[in-house]
Amino acid sequence: MAPELHYQIILNRVAELQNEATTYRRVREAEKARERGGHHRLRASLGKFRSQ
């Protein structure tokens, strides 16, 4: 495999993992807000999903 192709594959995988981590973090924020009963925080957390 050419070094340039390998580098591109690595960059793509890093971007995928970062997107997954961001989604996971937002879901956790929404769950925490729901547990605390903070409706404003829950709406704010879910609003981030719609903005993407």
C-alpha atoms as a PDB file:
ATOM      1  CA  MET A   1       0.000   0.000   0.000  1.00  0.00           C
ATOM      2  CA  ALA A   2       1.348   3.389  -0.946  1.00  0.00           C
ATOM      3  CA  PRO A   3       2.265   5.610   2.005  1.00  0.00           C
ATOM      4  CA  GLU A   4      -0.049   8.376   0.786  1.00  0.00           C
ATOM      5  CA  LEU A   5      -3.018   6.022   0.606  1.00  0.00           C
ATOM      6  CA  HIS A   6      -2.265   4.618   4.034  1.00  0.00           C
ATOM      7  CA  TYR A   7      -2.032   8.140   5.447  1.00  0.00           C
ATOM      8  CA  GLN A   8      -5.413   9.055   3.920  1.00  0.00           C
ATOM      9  CA  ILE A   9      -7.002   5.931   5.406  1.00  0.00           C
ATOM     10  CA  ILE A  10      -5.634   6.863   8.826  1.00  0.00           C
ATOM     11  CA  LEU A  11      -6.948  10.431   8.517  1.00  0.00           C
ATOM     12  CA  ASN A  12     -10.390   9.189   7.496  1.00  0.00           C
ATOM     13  CA  ARG A  13     -10.525   6.756  10.406  1.00  0.00           C
ATOM     14  CA  VAL A  14      -9.474   9.480  12.853  1.00  0.00           C
ATOM     15  CA  ALA A  15     -12.271  11.712  11.564  1.00  0.00           C
ATOM     16  CA  GLU A  16     -14.791   8.877  11.940  1.00  0.00           C
ATOM     17  CA  LEU A  17     -13.683   8.180  15.506  1.00  0.00           C
ATOM     18  CA  GLN A  18     -13.866  11.863  16.420  1.00  0.00           C
ATOM     19  CA  ASN A  19     -17.432  12.062  15.063  1.00  0.00           C
ATOM     20  CA  GLU A  20     -18.426   8.969  17.028  1.00  0.00           C
ATOM     21  CA  ALA A  21     -16.885  10.416  20.193  1.00  0.00           C
ATOM     22  CA  THR A  22     -18.751  13.685  19.706  1.00  0.00           C
ATOM     23  CA  THR A  23     -22.050  11.865  19.250  1.00  0.00           C
ATOM     24  CA  TYR A  24     -21.409   9.690  22.301  1.00  0.00           C
ATOM     25  CA  ARG A  25     -20.538  12.752  24.392  1.00  0.00           C
ATOM     26  CA  ARG A  26     -23.750  14.531  23.375  1.00  0.00           C
ATOM     27  CA  VAL A  27     -25.858  11.497  24.180  1.00  0.00           C
ATOM     28  CA  ARG A  28     -24.262  11.272  27.613  1.00  0.00           C
ATOM     29  CA  GLU A  29     -24.926  14.983  28.211  1.00  0.00           C
ATOM     30  CA  ALA A  30     -28.587  14.503  27.309  1.00  0.00           C
ATOM     31  CA  GLU A  31     -28.866  11.486  29.613  1.00  0.00           C
ATOM     32  CA  LYS A  32     -27.307  13.397  32.501  1.00  0.00           C
ATOM     33  CA  ALA A  33     -29.640  16.335  31.934  1.00  0.00           C
ATOM     34  CA  ARG A  34     -32.656  14.035  31.897  1.00  0.00           C
ATOM     35  CA  GLU A  35     -31.557  12.361  35.140  1.00  0.00           C
ATOM     36  CA  ARG A  36     -31.186  15.727  36.853  1.00  0.00           C
ATOM     37  CA  GLY A  37     -34.531  16.917  35.556  1.00  0.00           C
ATOM     38  CA  GLY A  38     -32.972  19.919  33.843  1.00  0.00           C
ATOM     39  CA  HIS A  39     -35.307  20.492  30.936  1.00  0.00           C
ATOM     40  CA  HIS A  40     -33.287  23.434  29.682  1.00  0.00           C
ATOM     41  CA  ARG A  41     -30.079  21.393  29.587  1.00  0.00           C
ATOM     42  CA  LEU A  42     -31.859  18.525  27.883  1.00  0.00           C
ATOM     43  CA  ARG A  43     -33.231  20.823  25.194  1.00  0.00           C
ATOM     44  CA  ALA A  44     -29.823  22.419  24.744  1.00  0.00           C
ATOM     45  CA  SER A  45     -28.151  19.024  24.409  1.00  0.00           C
ATOM     46  CA  LEU A  46     -30.697  17.794  21.895  1.00  0.00           C
ATOM     47  CA  GLY A  47     -30.500  21.063  19.994  1.00  0.00           C
ATOM     48  CA  LYS A  48     -26.895  20.256  19.178  1.00  0.00           C
ATOM     49  CA  PHE A  49     -28.074  17.216  17.228  1.00  0.00           C
ATOM     50  CA  ARG A  50     -30.352  19.293  15.033  1.00  0.00           C
ATOM     51  CA  SER A  51     -27.636  21.824  14.264  1.00  0.00           C
ATOM     52  CA  GLN A  52     -25.477  19.219  12.532  1.00  0.00           C
END
